[in-house]
C-alpha atoms as a PDB file:
ATOM      1  CA  MET A   1       9.699  -0.053 -27.148  1.00  0.00           C
ATOM      2  CA  ILE A   2       7.567   2.916 -26.070  1.00  0.00           C
ATOM      3  CA  CYS A   3       9.519   5.909 -24.761  1.00  0.00           C
ATOM      4  CA  PRO A   4       8.396   6.379 -21.131  1.00  0.00           C
ATOM      5  CA  GLU A   5       8.677  10.170 -21.485  1.00  0.00           C
ATOM      6  CA  CYS A   6       6.881  10.989 -24.736  1.00  0.00           C
ATOM      7  CA  GLY A   7       5.089   7.731 -25.609  1.00  0.00           C
ATOM      8  CA  LYS A   8       6.616   7.430 -29.087  1.00  0.00           C
ATOM      9  CA  LEU A   9       7.846   4.152 -30.589  1.00  0.00           C
ATOM     10  CA  ILE A  10      11.655   3.968 -30.477  1.00  0.00           C
ATOM     11  CA  GLY A  11      14.477   1.433 -30.571  1.00  0.00           C
ATOM     12  CA  VAL A  12      15.498  -0.258 -27.327  1.00  0.00           C
ATOM     13  CA  GLY A  13      19.162   0.671 -27.772  1.00  0.00           C
ATOM     14  CA  GLU A  14      18.648   4.378 -28.516  1.00  0.00           C
ATOM     15  CA  PRO A  15      21.122   6.467 -26.428  1.00  0.00           C
ATOM     16  CA  ARG A  16      18.557   9.298 -26.536  1.00  0.00           C
ATOM     17  CA  CYS A  17      14.935   9.409 -27.626  1.00  0.00           C
ATOM     18  CA  PRO A  18      14.941  11.046 -31.081  1.00  0.00           C
ATOM     19  CA  PHE A  19      11.596  12.707 -30.323  1.00  0.00           C
ATOM     20  CA  CYS A  20      11.956  14.122 -26.783  1.00  0.00           C
ATOM     21  CA  GLY A  21      15.660  13.704 -26.043  1.00  0.00           C
ATOM     22  CA  ALA A  22      15.197  11.473 -22.979  1.00  0.00           C
ATOM     23  CA  TRP A  23      18.539   9.920 -22.033  1.00  0.00           C
ATOM     24  CA  ARG A  24      18.817   6.128 -22.197  1.00  0.00           C
ATOM     25  CA  PRO A  25      15.036   5.531 -22.319  1.00  0.00           C
ATOM     26  CA  GLY A  26      15.576   1.777 -22.692  1.00  0.00           C
ATOM     27  CA  LEU A  27      17.961   1.472 -19.725  1.00  0.00           C
ATOM     28  CA  TYR A  28      19.819  -1.333 -21.516  1.00  0.00           C
ATOM     29  CA  GLY A  29      16.707  -3.432 -21.982  1.00  0.00           C
ATOM     30  CA  VAL A  30      15.171  -2.960 -18.512  1.00  0.00           C
ATOM     31  CA  THR A  31      12.489  -0.476 -19.575  1.00  0.00           C
ATOM     32  CA  PRO A  32      10.661  -2.775 -22.048  1.00  0.00           C
ATOM     33  CA  ARG A  33      10.485  -5.529 -19.427  1.00  0.00           C
ATOM     34  CA  LEU A  34       9.011  -3.163 -16.849  1.00  0.00           C
ATOM     35  CA  GLN A  35       6.521  -1.832 -19.396  1.00  0.00           C
ATOM     36  CA  ARG A  36       5.360  -5.365 -20.224  1.00  0.00           C
ATOM     37  CA  LEU A  37       5.149  -6.231 -16.514  1.00  0.00           C
ATOM     38  CA  PHE A  38       3.080  -3.205 -15.530  1.00  0.00           C
ATOM     39  CA  GLY A  39       1.244  -3.103 -18.828  1.00  0.00           C
ATOM     40  CA  GLY A  40      -0.851  -6.175 -18.105  1.00  0.00           C
ATOM     41  CA  ARG A  41       1.045  -9.053 -16.561  1.00  0.00           C
ATOM     42  CA  LEU A  42       1.042  -7.817 -12.971  1.00  0.00           C
ATOM     43  CA  ASP A  43      -2.242  -7.220 -11.156  1.00  0.00           C
ATOM     44  CA  LEU A  44      -0.994  -5.241  -8.172  1.00  0.00           C
ATOM     45  CA  VAL A  45      -4.421  -5.091  -6.507  1.00  0.00           C
ATOM     46  CA  GLY A  46      -4.572  -8.867  -6.783  1.00  0.00           C
ATOM     47  CA  VAL A  47      -1.046  -9.141  -5.347  1.00  0.00           C
ATOM     48  CA  ILE A  48      -2.027  -6.950  -2.368  1.00  0.00           C
ATOM     49  CA  VAL A  49      -5.192  -8.931  -1.622  1.00  0.00           C
ATOM     50  CA  ALA A  50      -3.469 -12.305  -2.051  1.00  0.00           C
ATOM     51  CA  SER A  51      -0.623 -11.210   0.233  1.00  0.00           C
ATOM     52  CA  CYS A  52      -3.049 -10.066   2.946  1.00  0.00           C
ATOM     53  CA  VAL A  53      -4.964 -13.349   2.829  1.00  0.00           C
ATOM     54  CA  ALA A  54      -1.829 -15.533   2.707  1.00  0.00           C
ATOM     55  CA  LEU A  55      -0.224 -13.782   5.690  1.00  0.00           C
ATOM     56  CA  TYR A  56      -3.498 -13.903   7.643  1.00  0.00           C
ATOM     57  CA  VAL A  57      -3.699 -17.679   7.141  1.00  0.00           C
ATOM     58  CA  LEU A  58      -0.004 -18.041   8.005  1.00  0.00           C
ATOM     59  CA  ALA A  59      -0.488 -16.026  11.215  1.00  0.00           C
ATOM     60  CA  LEU A  60      -3.282 -18.382  12.255  1.00  0.00           C
ATOM     61  CA  ALA A  61      -1.124 -21.388  11.410  1.00  0.00           C
ATOM     62  CA  LEU A  62       1.783 -20.108  13.511  1.00  0.00           C
ATOM     63  CA  ASP A  63      -0.369 -20.173  16.669  1.00  0.00           C
ATOM     64  CA  PRO A  64      -3.395 -22.461  16.162  1.00  0.00           C
ATOM     65  CA  GLY A  65      -4.325 -22.199  19.831  1.00  0.00           C
ATOM     66  CA  ALA A  66      -5.421 -18.579  19.346  1.00  0.00           C
ATOM     67  CA  ILE A  67      -7.941 -19.414  16.611  1.00  0.00           C
ATOM     68  CA  MET A  68     -10.816 -20.309  18.943  1.00  0.00           C
ATOM     69  CA  GLY A  69      -9.791 -18.151  21.894  1.00  0.00           C
ATOM     70  CA  GLY A  70     -11.082 -14.801  23.088  1.00  0.00           C
ATOM     71  CA  GLY A  71     -14.812 -15.217  22.530  1.00  0.00           C
ATOM     72  CA  LEU A  72     -17.056 -14.627  19.535  1.00  0.00           C
ATOM     73  CA  PHE A  73     -15.656 -11.256  18.465  1.00  0.00           C
ATOM     74  CA  ASN A  74     -12.075 -12.520  18.577  1.00  0.00           C
ATOM     75  CA  LEU A  75     -12.799 -15.696  16.636  1.00  0.00           C
ATOM     76  CA  LEU A  76     -10.104 -16.437  14.046  1.00  0.00           C
ATOM     77  CA  SER A  77      -7.878 -13.692  15.438  1.00  0.00           C
ATOM     78  CA  PRO A  78      -4.118 -14.320  15.177  1.00  0.00           C
ATOM     79  CA  SER A  79      -2.173 -13.945  18.413  1.00  0.00           C
ATOM     80  CA  ASP A  80       0.153 -11.007  19.022  1.00  0.00           C
ATOM     81  CA  GLY A  81       3.043 -13.455  19.044  1.00  0.00           C
ATOM     82  CA  ALA A  82       2.222 -14.732  15.575  1.00  0.00           C
ATOM     83  CA  LEU A  83       1.714 -11.214  14.211  1.00  0.00           C
ATOM     84  CA  GLY A  84       4.998 -10.153  15.785  1.00  0.00           C
ATOM     85  CA  ARG A  85       6.823 -12.986  14.041  1.00  0.00           C
ATOM     86  CA  LEU A  86       5.477 -11.797  10.685  1.00  0.00           C
ATOM     87  CA  GLY A  87       6.196  -8.084  11.098  1.00  0.00           C
ATOM     88  CA  MET A  88       3.706  -6.269  13.343  1.00  0.00           C
ATOM     89  CA  THR A  89       4.942  -2.732  13.985  1.00  0.00           C
ATOM     90  CA  SER A  90       5.333  -0.672  17.147  1.00  0.00           C
ATOM     91  CA  ALA A  91       7.489   2.065  18.648  1.00  0.00           C
ATOM     92  CA  TYR A  92       9.681  -0.651  20.156  1.00  0.00           C
ATOM     93  CA  ASP A  93      10.231  -2.275  16.760  1.00  0.00           C
ATOM     94  CA  LEU A  94      11.396   0.997  15.237  1.00  0.00           C
ATOM     95  CA  ALA A  95      13.605   1.749  18.249  1.00  0.00           C
ATOM     96  CA  THR A  96      15.292  -1.644  17.851  1.00  0.00           C
ATOM     97  CA  GLY A  97      15.948  -1.202  14.140  1.00  0.00           C
ATOM     98  CA  ARG A  98      13.077  -3.264  12.721  1.00  0.00           C
ATOM     99  CA  TRP A  99      12.234  -0.543  10.177  1.00  0.00           C
ATOM    100  CA  TRP A 100      10.759  -3.006   7.716  1.00  0.00           C
ATOM    101  CA  THR A 101       7.723  -3.495   9.965  1.00  0.00           C
ATOM    102  CA  LEU A 102       6.403  -0.194   8.564  1.00  0.00           C
ATOM    103  CA  LEU A 103       5.842  -2.145   5.329  1.00  0.00           C
ATOM    104  CA  THR A 104       5.066  -5.649   6.555  1.00  0.00           C
ATOM    105  CA  ALA A 105       2.404  -4.529   9.045  1.00  0.00           C
ATOM    106  CA  ILE A 106       0.309  -3.211   6.130  1.00  0.00           C
ATOM    107  CA  TYR A 107      -0.436  -6.797   5.066  1.00  0.00           C
ATOM    108  CA  LEU A 108      -1.173  -8.231   8.529  1.00  0.00           C
ATOM    109  CA  HIS A 109      -4.634  -8.270  10.122  1.00  0.00           C
ATOM    110  CA  GLY A 110      -5.897  -8.928  13.605  1.00  0.00           C
ATOM    111  CA  GLY A 111      -9.114 -10.802  12.841  1.00  0.00           C
ATOM    112  CA  LEU A 112     -11.598 -12.071  10.303  1.00  0.00           C
ATOM    113  CA  LEU A 113     -13.708  -8.891  10.233  1.00  0.00           C
ATOM    114  CA  HIS A 114     -10.562  -6.764  10.099  1.00  0.00           C
ATOM    115  CA  ILE A 115      -9.232  -8.431   6.959  1.00  0.00           C
ATOM    116  CA  PHE A 116     -12.694  -8.737   5.388  1.00  0.00           C
ATOM    117  CA  PHE A 117     -13.451  -5.018   5.517  1.00  0.00           C
ATOM    118  CA  ASN A 118      -9.928  -3.972   4.520  1.00  0.00           C
ATOM    119  CA  VAL A 119      -9.882  -6.299   1.521  1.00  0.00           C
ATOM    120  CA  MET A 120     -13.327  -5.041   0.537  1.00  0.00           C
ATOM    121  CA  TRP A 121     -12.054  -1.431   0.528  1.00  0.00           C
ATOM    122  CA  ILE A 122      -8.889  -2.395  -1.366  1.00  0.00           C
ATOM    123  CA  ARG A 123     -10.990  -4.109  -4.042  1.00  0.00           C
ATOM    124  CA  GLN A 124     -13.253  -1.046  -4.178  1.00  0.00           C
ATOM    125  CA  LEU A 125     -10.611   1.699  -4.316  1.00  0.00           C
ATOM    126  CA  GLY A 126      -7.542  -0.045  -5.747  1.00  0.00           C
ATOM    127  CA  PRO A 127      -8.772  -0.464  -9.342  1.00  0.00           C
ATOM    128  CA  ALA A 128      -9.953   3.170  -9.456  1.00  0.00           C
ATOM    129  CA  VAL A 129      -6.560   4.479  -8.291  1.00  0.00           C
ATOM    130  CA  THR A 130      -4.784   2.100 -10.682  1.00  0.00           C
ATOM    131  CA  GLU A 131      -6.862   3.311 -13.615  1.00  0.00           C
ATOM    132  CA  THR A 132      -6.342   6.953 -12.648  1.00  0.00           C
ATOM    133  CA  TYR A 133      -2.620   6.955 -11.868  1.00  0.00           C
ATOM    134  CA  GLY A 134      -1.299   3.713 -13.341  1.00  0.00           C
ATOM    135  CA  PRO A 135      -0.431   0.450 -11.528  1.00  0.00           C
ATOM    136  CA  ALA A 136       3.083   1.390 -10.391  1.00  0.00           C
ATOM    137  CA  ARG A 137       2.052   4.818  -9.100  1.00  0.00           C
ATOM    138  CA  ALA A 138      -0.966   3.272  -7.347  1.00  0.00           C
ATOM    139  CA  PHE A 139       1.227   0.741  -5.548  1.00  0.00           C
ATOM    140  CA  VAL A 140       3.713   3.438  -4.523  1.00  0.00           C
ATOM    141  CA  ILE A 141       0.841   5.542  -3.117  1.00  0.00           C
ATOM    142  CA  PHE A 142      -0.576   2.511  -1.281  1.00  0.00           C
ATOM    143  CA  SER A 143       2.799   1.601   0.238  1.00  0.00           C
ATOM    144  CA  LEU A 144       3.941   5.114   1.185  1.00  0.00           C
ATOM    145  CA  ALA A 145       0.560   5.897   2.725  1.00  0.00           C
ATOM    146  CA  GLY A 146       0.806   2.785   4.889  1.00  0.00           C
ATOM    147  CA  VAL A 147       4.349   3.648   5.943  1.00  0.00           C
ATOM    148  CA  ALA A 148       3.320   7.228   6.829  1.00  0.00           C
ATOM    149  CA  GLY A 149       0.361   5.942   8.836  1.00  0.00           C
ATOM    150  CA  PHE A 150       2.460   3.552  10.903  1.00  0.00           C
ATOM    151  CA  MET A 151       5.226   6.108  11.406  1.00  0.00           C
ATOM    152  CA  LEU A 152       2.694   8.454  12.997  1.00  0.00           C
ATOM    153  CA  SER A 153       1.040   5.641  14.938  1.00  0.00           C
ATOM    154  CA  ASP A 154       4.317   4.269  16.281  1.00  0.00           C
ATOM    155  CA  ARG A 155       5.324   7.741  17.436  1.00  0.00           C
ATOM    156  CA  LEU A 156       2.052   8.704  19.130  1.00  0.00           C
ATOM    157  CA  SER A 157       0.522   5.398  20.227  1.00  0.00           C
ATOM    158  CA  PRO A 158       2.006   2.953  22.771  1.00  0.00           C
ATOM    159  CA  TYR A 159       0.291  -0.031  21.143  1.00  0.00           C
ATOM    160  CA  PRO A 160       1.542  -2.303  18.328  1.00  0.00           C
ATOM    161  CA  SER A 161      -0.431  -2.119  15.116  1.00  0.00           C
ATOM    162  CA  VAL A 162      -1.298  -4.002  11.938  1.00  0.00           C
ATOM    163  CA  GLY A 163      -3.626  -3.528   9.001  1.00  0.00           C
ATOM    164  CA  ALA A 164      -4.028  -1.921   5.594  1.00  0.00           C
ATOM    165  CA  SER A 165      -6.413   0.812   6.712  1.00  0.00           C
ATOM    166  CA  GLY A 166      -3.737   3.539   6.623  1.00  0.00           C
ATOM    167  CA  SER A 167      -3.008   2.592   3.021  1.00  0.00           C
ATOM    168  CA  ILE A 168      -6.746   2.563   2.284  1.00  0.00           C
ATOM    169  CA  PHE A 169      -7.028   6.116   3.580  1.00  0.00           C
ATOM    170  CA  GLY A 170      -4.122   6.930   1.276  1.00  0.00           C
ATOM    171  CA  LEU A 171      -6.085   5.566  -1.697  1.00  0.00           C
ATOM    172  CA  LEU A 172      -9.057   7.728  -0.670  1.00  0.00           C
ATOM    173  CA  ALA A 173      -6.764  10.756  -0.516  1.00  0.00           C
ATOM    174  CA  ALA A 174      -5.336   9.962  -3.965  1.00  0.00           C
ATOM    175  CA  LEU A 175      -8.810   9.910  -5.512  1.00  0.00           C
ATOM    176  CA  ILE A 176      -9.707  13.169  -3.750  1.00  0.00           C
ATOM    177  CA  VAL A 177      -6.537  14.753  -5.201  1.00  0.00           C
ATOM    178  CA  TYR A 178      -7.613  13.546  -8.652  1.00  0.00           C
ATOM    179  CA  GLY A 179     -11.128  14.918  -8.210  1.00  0.00           C
ATOM    180  CA  ARG A 180      -9.857  18.312  -7.054  1.00  0.00           C
ATOM    181  CA  ARG A 181      -7.442  18.652  -9.982  1.00  0.00           C
ATOM    182  CA  ARG A 182     -10.013  17.510 -12.532  1.00  0.00           C
ATOM    183  CA  GLY A 183     -12.978  19.409 -11.118  1.00  0.00           C
ATOM    184  CA  GLY A 184     -14.988  16.350 -10.071  1.00  0.00           C
ATOM    185  CA  THR A 185     -16.860  18.046  -7.253  1.00  0.00           C
ATOM    186  CA  HIS A 186     -19.518  15.336  -6.794  1.00  0.00           C
ATOM    187  CA  MET A 187     -16.937  12.529  -6.659  1.00  0.00           C
ATOM    188  CA  THR A 188     -14.705  14.549  -4.340  1.00  0.00           C
ATOM    189  CA  ALA A 189     -17.592  15.287  -1.967  1.00  0.00           C
ATOM    190  CA  GLN A 190     -18.535  11.590  -1.832  1.00  0.00           C
ATOM    191  CA  LEU A 191     -14.939  10.565  -1.085  1.00  0.00           C
ATOM    192  CA  TRP A 192     -14.652  13.176   1.672  1.00  0.00           C
ATOM    193  CA  GLN A 193     -17.840  11.792   3.212  1.00  0.00           C
ATOM    194  CA  TRP A 194     -16.387   8.272   3.200  1.00  0.00           C
ATOM    195  CA  ALA A 195     -13.095   9.422   4.730  1.00  0.00           C
ATOM    196  CA  ILE A 196     -14.792  11.468   7.466  1.00  0.00           C
ATOM    197  CA  ALA A 197     -17.304   8.704   8.249  1.00  0.00           C
ATOM    198  CA  LEU A 198     -14.535   6.095   8.574  1.00  0.00           C
ATOM    199  CA  PHE A 199     -12.508   8.407  10.771  1.00  0.00           C
ATOM    200  CA  VAL A 200     -15.503   9.151  13.030  1.00  0.00           C
ATOM    201  CA  ILE A 201     -16.237   5.429  13.372  1.00  0.00           C
ATOM    202  CA  GLY A 202     -12.713   5.067  14.700  1.00  0.00           C
ATOM    203  CA  LEU A 203     -13.547   7.496  17.520  1.00  0.00           C
ATOM    204  CA  ILE A 204     -16.314   5.277  18.918  1.00  0.00           C
ATOM    205  CA  PRO A 205     -15.207   3.825  22.291  1.00  0.00           C
ATOM    206  CA  GLY A 206     -14.423   0.133  22.144  1.00  0.00           C
ATOM    207  CA  MET A 207     -13.838   0.017  18.375  1.00  0.00           C
ATOM    208  CA  HIS A 208     -10.062  -0.444  18.797  1.00  0.00           C
ATOM    209  CA  VAL A 209      -9.369   1.455  15.572  1.00  0.00           C
ATOM    210  CA  ASN A 210      -5.984   3.058  14.962  1.00  0.00           C
ATOM    211  CA  ASN A 211      -6.974   6.573  13.877  1.00  0.00           C
ATOM    212  CA  TRP A 212      -3.360   7.750  14.076  1.00  0.00           C
ATOM    213  CA  ALA A 213      -2.566   5.348  11.244  1.00  0.00           C
ATOM    214  CA  HIS A 214      -5.639   6.558   9.363  1.00  0.00           C
ATOM    215  CA  ALA A 215      -4.628  10.203   9.676  1.00  0.00           C
ATOM    216  CA  GLY A 216      -1.028   9.499   8.738  1.00  0.00           C
ATOM    217  CA  GLY A 217      -2.078   7.304   5.824  1.00  0.00           C
ATOM    218  CA  PHE A 218      -4.414   9.973   4.484  1.00  0.00           C
ATOM    219  CA  ALA A 219      -1.678  12.621   4.706  1.00  0.00           C
ATOM    220  CA  GLY A 220       0.907  10.299   3.148  1.00  0.00           C
ATOM    221  CA  GLY A 221      -1.424   9.334   0.319  1.00  0.00           C
ATOM    222  CA  TRP A 222      -2.289  12.978  -0.308  1.00  0.00           C
ATOM    223  CA  LEU A 223       1.365  14.014  -0.539  1.00  0.00           C
ATOM    224  CA  ALA A 224       2.346  11.045  -2.703  1.00  0.00           C
ATOM    225  CA  ALA A 225      -0.590  11.576  -5.070  1.00  0.00           C
ATOM    226  CA  THR A 226       0.128  15.302  -5.331  1.00  0.00           C
ATOM    227  CA  ALA A 227       3.638  14.471  -6.514  1.00  0.00           C
ATOM    228  CA  MET A 228       2.299  12.046  -9.158  1.00  0.00           C
ATOM    229  CA  ARG A 229       1.064  12.607 -12.692  1.00  0.00           C
ATOM    230  CA  PHE A 230      -2.144  10.955 -13.897  1.00  0.00           C
ATOM    231  CA  GLY A 231      -2.051   8.042 -16.296  1.00  0.00           C
ATOM    232  CA  ASP A 232      -3.617  10.041 -19.133  1.00  0.00           C
ATOM    233  CA  GLU A 233      -1.082  12.853 -18.680  1.00  0.00           C
ATOM    234  CA  LYS A 234       2.145  10.887 -18.785  1.00  0.00           C
ATOM    235  CA  ARG A 235       3.206   7.263 -18.978  1.00  0.00           C
ATOM    236  CA  GLU A 236       4.733   5.793 -15.849  1.00  0.00           C
ATOM    237  CA  SER A 237       8.467   6.375 -15.740  1.00  0.00           C
ATOM    238  CA  VAL A 238      10.992   3.584 -15.279  1.00  0.00           C
ATOM    239  CA  LEU A 239      11.943   5.089 -11.906  1.00  0.00           C
ATOM    240  CA  VAL A 240       8.363   4.864 -10.615  1.00  0.00           C
ATOM    241  CA  GLN A 241       8.035   1.299 -11.860  1.00  0.00           C
ATOM    242  CA  ALA A 242      11.377   0.361 -10.297  1.00  0.00           C
ATOM    243  CA  LEU A 243      10.304   2.004  -7.013  1.00  0.00           C
ATOM    244  CA  ALA A 244       7.088  -0.030  -6.988  1.00  0.00           C
ATOM    245  CA  LEU A 245       9.020  -3.264  -7.499  1.00  0.00           C
ATOM    246  CA  ALA A 246      11.547  -2.227  -4.836  1.00  0.00           C
ATOM    247  CA  LEU A 247       8.761  -1.618  -2.292  1.00  0.00           C
ATOM    248  CA  LEU A 248       7.231  -4.978  -3.152  1.00  0.00           C
ATOM    249  CA  ALA A 249      10.617  -6.716  -2.749  1.00  0.00           C
ATOM    250  CA  LEU A 250      11.368  -4.889   0.533  1.00  0.00           C
ATOM    251  CA  THR A 251       8.012  -5.976   1.950  1.00  0.00           C
ATOM    252  CA  ALA A 252       8.623  -9.612   1.049  1.00  0.00           C
ATOM    253  CA  ALA A 253      12.158  -9.423   2.460  1.00  0.00           C
ATOM    254  CA  GLY A 254      10.743  -7.797   5.600  1.00  0.00           C
ATOM    255  CA  VAL A 255       8.511 -10.786   6.303  1.00  0.00           C
ATOM    256  CA  VAL A 256      11.544 -13.062   6.023  1.00  0.00           C
ATOM    257  CA  LEU A 257      13.597 -10.782   8.285  1.00  0.00           C
ATOM    258  CA  SER A 258      10.798 -10.747  10.863  1.00  0.00           C
ATOM    259  CA  LEU A 259      10.640 -14.545  10.907  1.00  0.00           C
ATOM    260  CA  LEU A 260      14.424 -14.814  11.215  1.00  0.00           C
ATOM    261  CA  ASN A 261      14.581 -12.189  13.972  1.00  0.00           C
ATOM    262  CA  THR A 262      11.976 -13.952  16.086  1.00  0.00           C
ATOM    263  CA  ALA A 263      12.926 -17.547  15.337  1.00  0.00           C
END
C-alpha cells in the first residue's frame, strides 16, 4: 500500500511507516481499501448529481398532484409536503431534533430550474475542487459548506429551505482559497466575480433565493478549505476519507429517518 502520510510504498501490516514513522498507516487493512475507493472507483461528483436527480424525481413521485400545479414557473415543483418527507430543513426541524436535515436538504430541490442550475454549477466546480484538493476533501468541503449554510439559514430565516447552492458557494470559496495560496490572481478575481454576481442576483425581489444559506455556505467552505491541504502537497489521510464516507452514510441515513419520521 501507499503510506497516506509520506506517499512511500510500504507493507499493509507495518506497525509504523519505516520512512516517516506514521503509526498504523494500514489501519488493519482499511487504508488500502479507502485508497482504492477514492483513487478511481468512486466519482463523488457523479454521486452528488445522481443523488440530487434521484431525490428530485422521488419528491415528484411522492405527490404527483403538485407536478402540474402552481402555473408555468412552478411546473415540476415538488410540494412542501414531499420535500418535508425527504428531509427539507427549517428552524422547526432543528428545534425538534431533526439535525440530519442539515445534510439531506442539500440534495433536495424545489423545481426544475432550481435543480438544473445547481447541477450545472456542481458539474462546473466539482471536478476542479476534486482535482485541487482530492475527492474526499472535496466532498467534505461540499458537505460542511452546505451544513454551515443551512445552520445560518435556519437560525435567521423563518422559512424552510432546500438546495445545493450553499454547498456550491462553498466550492467557490475553496477555489478562491486555492487561488490566494497559489498566487492565481486572475482565477481568484474571476471566482470572486461569480460569487458576488450570484449573491447579488439573490437580492433581486421575487427571486426567492436563500442568501443566508449562500453566505453561510461560502464561509463554511472557506473555513473547511483553509484547514485542508492540496492534493499535490499531501495525499488524503485515512481520517479525511473516513469522514467523507461518514458524511455520505449520514446523508443517506437521514433520508431514511425523514421518511420514517413523517410516515
